[in-house]
Amino acid sequence: MLTRRMLRIKAFKVLYASVEDRSMTLKGVEASFVASCEAVRDLYLFMLSIITALTDAEAKRLEAGRRKFNPTEEDLSPNDKFATNALAALLGNDPDFTKIIQRKKLSWEQYDVFIREVSESIRSRKYFADYMASPERSLQGDAALFKKIFEQEFEDSASLAAILEELSILWVDDLGFALSACIKSLSAIAKTGRWNLPPLYHSDELIQAGKEADSDADFSRRLLEGAFAGRERYFQMVFDSAKGWEKDRLFNTDLVLIALGLAEAELFPDIPVKVTINEYVDISKYYSTPKSSSFVNGLLDSLIAKLTEEGRIVKSQIGLK
């Protein structure tokens, strides 16, 4: 599930927190990292469970129409294709899915206003009208509909952002990734007819598929340990190299990103230097200042070159560039 890019971002956030709060120990940093990773999968589960919430809301809407004092012909004989979709039934009858949702206490019940808001938006869409007009009723068609819903209804929703912030501070910034994971699961369900909980780490997905992959869990642990243990040394290298900059003018975000980059370069001989530098430069574009990307790029490039000359960084053949 979690890619190396996501793991680097998670590592950056917890290491930054440890710089802001010097009382944090390595054990605390590692615990925060694991909790942050698990939270992404919880968010994935929460968002996937909206399928049943939206389906139930539609069924209730149709039933309310039937109970009108003067129901129309359409009220009495509505198109119930969405209200009886096979995807919601599959998830609702899956013991593994329902148990984990209940155990983690993930529920949309108190957010009925948001569910109605999304339902109304969906019913106004052309993709929904096309779905309802088609006589086909299939799991594949239902999965395709919900893929469109996940692609178009959630990422820019201020109402959803407020709900997620209220539920967990660890869900901040992770909605886009969780939605992508939901869409990936919907594609798998359409092919196999069943739901499976995705492994926490992408490397485990590859291994399950019979492919070779280095452990992402091991990568994360070693990266955090190395960056945490060597952060003061890495910070001092930045201070010594950033001529013309006062220490209090250097942003902690940049220092942490550079520390992670240097730790990764030292600890993982098979990861090319260019990959490492590009990863942390890209992260800086989202989590630091407008000028940080050039600063992080320049410092990482020169400091990695210096550590290579000193023999502290030794790359394998595939990790030379």
Protein backbone atom coordinates (compact mmCIF):
# COMPACT_ATOMS: atom_id res chain seq x y z
CA MET A 1 0.00 0.00 0.00
CA LEU A 2 2.43 2.69 1.17
CA THR A 3 5.05 3.58 -1.42
CA ARG A 4 8.62 4.67 -0.71
CA ARG A 5 7.57 8.28 -1.41
CA MET A 6 4.85 8.06 1.24
CA LEU A 7 7.26 6.45 3.70
CA ARG A 8 9.81 9.22 3.16
CA ILE A 9 7.09 11.82 3.82
CA LYS A 10 6.00 10.02 6.99
CA ALA A 11 9.63 9.80 8.13
CA PHE A 12 10.09 13.52 7.44
CA LYS A 13 7.05 14.46 9.51
CA VAL A 14 7.97 12.42 12.59
CA LEU A 15 11.64 13.44 12.46
CA TYR A 16 10.57 17.08 12.15
CA ALA A 17 8.36 16.58 15.22
CA SER A 18 11.37 15.22 17.12
CA VAL A 19 13.36 18.34 16.24
CA GLU A 20 10.55 20.54 17.49
CA ASP A 21 10.20 18.40 20.64
CA ARG A 22 13.65 17.33 21.77
CA SER A 23 12.19 15.11 24.49
CA MET A 24 11.14 12.54 21.86
CA THR A 25 13.18 9.36 21.94
CA LEU A 26 13.92 7.03 19.05
CA LYS A 27 11.30 4.66 20.42
CA GLY A 28 8.75 7.49 20.40
CA VAL A 29 9.72 8.51 16.88
CA GLU A 30 9.31 4.95 15.63
CA ALA A 31 5.96 4.55 17.39
CA SER A 32 4.70 7.80 15.85
CA PHE A 33 5.87 6.66 12.44
CA VAL A 34 4.05 3.33 12.67
CA ALA A 35 0.88 5.04 13.93
CA SER A 36 1.03 7.49 11.02
CA CYS A 37 1.39 4.66 8.52
CA GLU A 38 -1.45 2.65 10.04
CA ALA A 39 -3.61 5.79 9.97
CA VAL A 40 -3.39 5.90 6.17
CA ARG A 41 -4.89 2.43 5.94
CA ASP A 42 -7.57 3.40 8.46
CA LEU A 43 -8.45 6.36 6.26
CA TYR A 44 -8.62 4.03 3.26
CA LEU A 45 -11.03 1.78 5.17
CA PHE A 46 -13.13 4.75 6.31
CA MET A 47 -13.45 6.07 2.76
CA LEU A 48 -14.19 2.62 1.31
CA SER A 49 -16.99 2.20 3.86
CA ILE A 50 -18.76 5.24 2.40
CA ILE A 51 -19.93 2.90 -0.37
CA THR A 52 -22.41 1.26 2.00
CA ALA A 53 -23.32 4.61 3.58
CA LEU A 54 -24.21 6.14 0.21
CA THR A 55 -26.10 3.02 -0.84
CA ASP A 56 -28.11 2.97 2.39
CA ALA A 57 -28.92 6.67 1.99
CA GLU A 58 -30.25 6.04 -1.53
CA ALA A 59 -32.38 3.13 -0.33
CA LYS A 60 -33.87 5.34 2.41
CA ARG A 61 -34.55 8.12 -0.11
CA LEU A 62 -36.45 5.75 -2.38
CA GLU A 63 -38.43 4.35 0.54
CA ALA A 64 -39.36 7.87 1.63
CA GLY A 65 -40.66 8.50 -1.89
CA ARG A 66 -42.89 5.42 -1.71
CA ARG A 67 -44.36 6.65 1.57
CA LYS A 68 -45.36 10.08 0.28
CA PHE A 69 -48.98 11.06 0.82
CA ASN A 70 -49.44 11.40 -2.93
CA PRO A 71 -46.59 9.38 -4.49
CA THR A 72 -45.99 9.63 -8.22
CA GLU A 73 -45.61 6.65 -10.50
CA GLU A 74 -41.86 7.18 -10.34
CA ASP A 75 -42.01 7.25 -6.54
CA LEU A 76 -43.87 3.94 -6.48
CA SER A 77 -41.66 2.23 -9.04
CA PRO A 78 -38.26 3.94 -8.83
CA ASN A 79 -35.06 2.92 -10.55
CA ASP A 80 -33.35 1.11 -7.67
CA LYS A 81 -30.19 0.16 -9.54
CA PHE A 82 -27.93 2.25 -7.31
CA ALA A 83 -29.79 1.38 -4.11
CA THR A 84 -29.30 -2.34 -4.79
CA ASN A 85 -25.80 -2.22 -6.25
CA ALA A 86 -23.77 -5.40 -5.91
CA LEU A 87 -20.65 -3.68 -4.61
CA ALA A 88 -22.26 -2.46 -1.39
CA ALA A 89 -23.79 -5.89 -0.89
CA LEU A 90 -20.41 -7.54 -1.37
CA LEU A 91 -18.71 -5.32 1.22
CA GLY A 92 -21.64 -5.49 3.64
CA ASN A 93 -21.57 -9.29 3.55
CA ASP A 94 -17.78 -9.61 3.77
CA PRO A 95 -16.97 -10.72 7.34
CA ASP A 96 -13.38 -9.47 7.19
CA PHE A 97 -14.43 -6.02 5.98
CA THR A 98 -17.31 -5.61 8.44
CA LYS A 99 -15.25 -6.87 11.39
CA ILE A 100 -12.35 -4.50 10.80
CA ILE A 101 -14.72 -1.56 10.27
CA GLN A 102 -16.50 -2.38 13.54
CA ARG A 103 -13.27 -3.03 15.45
CA LYS A 104 -11.82 0.30 14.40
CA LYS A 105 -15.16 2.04 15.03
CA LEU A 106 -15.25 3.62 11.60
CA SER A 107 -18.73 4.97 10.90
CA TRP A 108 -20.45 7.58 8.74
CA GLU A 109 -23.60 7.48 10.85
CA GLN A 110 -23.11 10.89 12.48
CA TYR A 111 -22.23 12.53 9.17
CA ASP A 112 -25.61 12.10 7.49
CA VAL A 113 -25.59 15.74 6.32
CA PHE A 114 -22.40 15.10 4.36
CA ILE A 115 -23.76 11.83 2.97
CA ARG A 116 -26.84 13.68 1.70
CA GLU A 117 -24.60 16.38 0.21
CA VAL A 118 -22.56 13.79 -1.68
CA SER A 119 -25.68 11.87 -2.74
CA GLU A 120 -27.21 14.99 -4.25
CA SER A 121 -23.98 15.80 -6.06
CA ILE A 122 -23.77 12.27 -7.47
CA ARG A 123 -27.36 12.37 -8.75
CA SER A 124 -26.59 15.59 -10.65
CA ARG A 125 -23.69 14.03 -12.56
CA LYS A 126 -23.83 12.80 -16.15
CA TYR A 127 -21.81 9.70 -15.23
CA PHE A 128 -24.55 8.76 -12.76
CA ALA A 129 -27.33 9.37 -15.28
CA ASP A 130 -25.52 7.14 -17.79
CA TYR A 131 -25.11 4.43 -15.15
CA MET A 132 -28.78 4.53 -14.16
CA ALA A 133 -29.93 4.51 -17.81
CA SER A 134 -27.95 1.40 -18.66
CA PRO A 135 -29.91 -1.87 -18.29
CA GLU A 136 -26.74 -3.72 -17.26
CA ARG A 137 -26.52 -4.71 -13.62
CA SER A 138 -23.13 -6.10 -12.67
CA LEU A 139 -20.45 -5.88 -10.04
CA GLN A 140 -18.08 -4.56 -12.70
CA GLY A 141 -20.50 -1.76 -13.63
CA ASP A 142 -21.07 -0.86 -9.99
CA ALA A 143 -17.32 -0.78 -9.31
CA ALA A 144 -16.83 1.48 -12.34
CA LEU A 145 -19.46 3.88 -11.00
CA PHE A 146 -17.86 4.10 -7.58
CA LYS A 147 -14.45 4.66 -9.14
CA LYS A 148 -15.90 7.79 -10.74
CA ILE A 149 -17.40 8.81 -7.40
CA PHE A 150 -14.04 8.44 -5.66
CA GLU A 151 -12.32 10.33 -8.47
CA GLN A 152 -14.73 13.28 -8.59
CA GLU A 153 -16.59 13.77 -5.33
CA PHE A 154 -14.15 13.81 -2.42
CA GLU A 155 -10.68 15.27 -2.89
CA ASP A 156 -11.74 18.93 -3.10
CA SER A 157 -14.58 18.69 -0.56
CA ALA A 158 -14.23 21.21 2.26
CA SER A 159 -16.93 19.36 4.20
CA LEU A 160 -15.00 16.11 4.02
CA ALA A 161 -11.74 17.83 4.97
CA ALA A 162 -13.42 19.18 8.12
CA ILE A 163 -14.73 15.72 9.02
CA LEU A 164 -11.35 14.06 8.57
CA GLU A 165 -9.57 16.75 10.59
CA GLU A 166 -12.08 16.25 13.38
CA LEU A 167 -11.59 12.48 13.39
CA SER A 168 -7.79 12.26 13.21
CA ILE A 169 -4.94 14.72 12.88
CA LEU A 170 -2.98 11.86 11.31
CA TRP A 171 -5.31 11.93 8.29
CA VAL A 172 -4.24 15.42 7.25
CA ASP A 173 -2.67 15.39 3.75
CA ASP A 174 -3.38 11.68 3.14
CA LEU A 175 -6.82 11.80 1.52
CA GLY A 176 -5.52 11.74 -2.07
CA PHE A 177 -3.44 8.64 -1.42
CA ALA A 178 -6.31 6.90 0.41
CA LEU A 179 -8.68 7.61 -2.47
CA SER A 180 -6.17 6.17 -4.93
CA ALA A 181 -5.97 3.04 -2.78
CA CYS A 182 -9.77 2.78 -2.79
CA ILE A 183 -9.85 3.05 -6.58
CA LYS A 184 -7.18 0.36 -6.83
CA SER A 185 -9.25 -1.91 -4.58
CA LEU A 186 -12.35 -1.31 -6.70
CA SER A 187 -10.45 -2.41 -9.80
CA ALA A 188 -9.33 -5.57 -7.98
CA ILE A 189 -12.86 -6.30 -6.75
CA ALA A 190 -14.22 -5.94 -10.28
CA LYS A 191 -11.73 -8.58 -11.46
CA THR A 192 -11.82 -11.05 -8.57
CA GLY A 193 -15.25 -10.57 -7.01
CA ARG A 194 -13.81 -10.21 -3.52
CA TRP A 195 -12.19 -7.65 -1.23
CA ASN A 196 -8.80 -8.10 0.41
CA LEU A 197 -7.18 -5.84 2.99
CA PRO A 198 -4.10 -4.38 1.28
CA PRO A 199 -0.76 -4.94 3.01
CA LEU A 200 0.58 -1.85 4.76
CA TYR A 201 3.74 -1.70 2.65
CA HIS A 202 3.92 -1.73 -1.14
CA SER A 203 6.82 -4.21 -1.05
CA ASP A 204 4.52 -6.75 0.61
CA GLU A 205 2.01 -6.32 -2.23
CA LEU A 206 4.77 -7.06 -4.74
CA ILE A 207 5.91 -10.11 -2.78
CA GLN A 208 2.34 -11.42 -2.61
CA ALA A 209 2.19 -11.04 -6.39
CA GLY A 210 5.30 -13.24 -6.70
CA LYS A 211 7.72 -10.40 -7.43
CA GLU A 212 11.03 -9.65 -5.74
CA ALA A 213 11.14 -6.53 -3.56
CA ASP A 214 13.28 -5.12 -0.79
CA SER A 215 11.36 -4.71 2.46
CA ASP A 216 9.81 -1.26 2.82
CA ALA A 217 9.41 -1.88 6.55
CA ASP A 218 13.15 -2.46 6.85
CA PHE A 219 13.86 0.60 4.69
CA SER A 220 11.72 2.78 6.96
CA ARG A 221 13.21 1.48 10.19
CA ARG A 222 16.81 1.90 9.04
CA LEU A 223 16.14 5.34 7.56
CA LEU A 224 14.53 6.62 10.76
CA GLU A 225 17.20 5.15 13.02
CA GLY A 226 20.01 6.53 10.87
CA ALA A 227 18.54 10.01 10.50
CA PHE A 228 17.62 10.24 14.18
CA ALA A 229 21.02 9.07 15.38
CA GLY A 230 22.97 11.25 12.94
CA ARG A 231 20.80 14.35 12.84
CA GLU A 232 23.13 16.58 14.85
CA ARG A 233 26.07 15.61 12.65
CA TYR A 234 24.02 16.22 9.53
CA PHE A 235 22.72 19.55 10.84
CA GLN A 236 26.25 20.69 11.60
CA MET A 237 27.31 19.78 8.08
CA VAL A 238 24.54 22.03 6.78
CA PHE A 239 25.55 24.88 9.11
CA ASP A 240 29.17 24.58 7.99
CA SER A 241 28.24 24.51 4.30
CA ALA A 242 25.47 27.13 4.19
CA LYS A 243 27.77 30.12 4.08
CA GLY A 244 26.07 33.44 4.53
CA TRP A 245 23.16 31.89 6.41
CA GLU A 246 22.64 32.39 10.11
CA LYS A 247 21.57 29.28 11.99
CA ASP A 248 18.27 30.84 13.02
CA ARG A 249 17.49 31.61 9.37
CA LEU A 250 17.68 27.95 8.34
CA PHE A 251 14.30 26.25 8.33
CA ASN A 252 13.94 23.06 10.36
CA THR A 253 11.98 21.53 7.50
CA ASP A 254 14.99 21.93 5.20
CA LEU A 255 17.40 20.63 7.84
CA VAL A 256 15.30 17.52 8.39
CA LEU A 257 14.92 16.83 4.67
CA ILE A 258 18.66 17.15 4.16
CA ALA A 259 19.35 14.92 7.18
CA LEU A 260 17.05 12.24 5.78
CA GLY A 261 18.69 12.52 2.37
CA LEU A 262 22.18 12.14 3.83
CA ALA A 263 21.12 9.21 6.01
CA GLU A 264 19.54 7.50 3.01
CA ALA A 265 22.63 8.07 0.88
CA GLU A 266 24.88 6.58 3.57
CA LEU A 267 22.69 3.62 4.51
CA PHE A 268 21.39 2.35 1.18
CA PRO A 269 24.12 1.66 -1.38
CA ASP A 270 21.61 0.33 -3.94
CA ILE A 271 19.55 3.54 -4.11
CA PRO A 272 21.02 5.89 -6.73
CA VAL A 273 22.12 9.30 -5.50
CA LYS A 274 19.90 11.05 -8.06
CA VAL A 275 16.85 9.16 -6.79
CA THR A 276 17.55 10.18 -3.20
CA ILE A 277 18.14 13.84 -4.05
CA ASN A 278 15.08 14.07 -6.33
CA GLU A 279 12.83 12.49 -3.70
CA TYR A 280 13.66 15.00 -0.96
CA VAL A 281 13.69 17.95 -3.34
CA ASP A 282 10.17 17.00 -4.47
CA ILE A 283 8.98 16.64 -0.87
CA SER A 284 10.40 20.09 -0.06
CA LYS A 285 8.15 21.61 -2.73
CA TYR A 286 5.09 20.62 -0.70
CA TYR A 287 6.29 20.92 2.87
CA SER A 288 8.77 23.78 2.99
CA THR A 289 9.31 27.28 1.58
CA PRO A 290 9.23 28.31 -2.10
CA LYS A 291 13.03 28.56 -2.17
CA SER A 292 13.64 25.31 -0.31
CA SER A 293 13.81 23.00 -3.32
CA SER A 294 16.91 24.73 -4.73
CA PHE A 295 18.46 24.94 -1.26
CA VAL A 296 17.83 21.26 -0.48
CA ASN A 297 19.01 20.24 -3.94
CA GLY A 298 22.25 22.21 -3.74
CA LEU A 299 23.14 21.17 -0.19
CA LEU A 300 22.33 17.49 -0.70
CA ASP A 301 24.33 17.38 -3.90
CA SER A 302 27.44 18.98 -2.39
CA LEU A 303 27.26 17.15 0.96
CA ILE A 304 26.74 13.75 -0.65
CA ALA A 305 29.73 14.45 -2.87
CA LYS A 306 31.77 15.36 0.22
CA LEU A 307 30.73 12.20 2.09
CA THR A 308 31.52 10.11 -0.98
CA GLU A 309 35.04 11.57 -1.12
CA GLU A 310 35.46 10.76 2.58
CA GLY A 311 34.35 7.17 1.99
CA ARG A 312 31.23 7.46 4.16
CA ILE A 313 29.01 6.93 1.12
CA VAL A 314 29.85 3.92 -1.03
CA LYS A 315 27.38 3.08 -3.75
CA SER A 316 26.93 -0.25 -5.50
CA GLN A 317 27.07 -0.32 -9.28
CA ILE A 318 23.35 0.38 -9.62
CA GLY A 319 23.46 3.16 -7.07
CA LEU A 320 26.25 5.24 -8.52
CA LYS A 321 24.16 7.91 -10.21
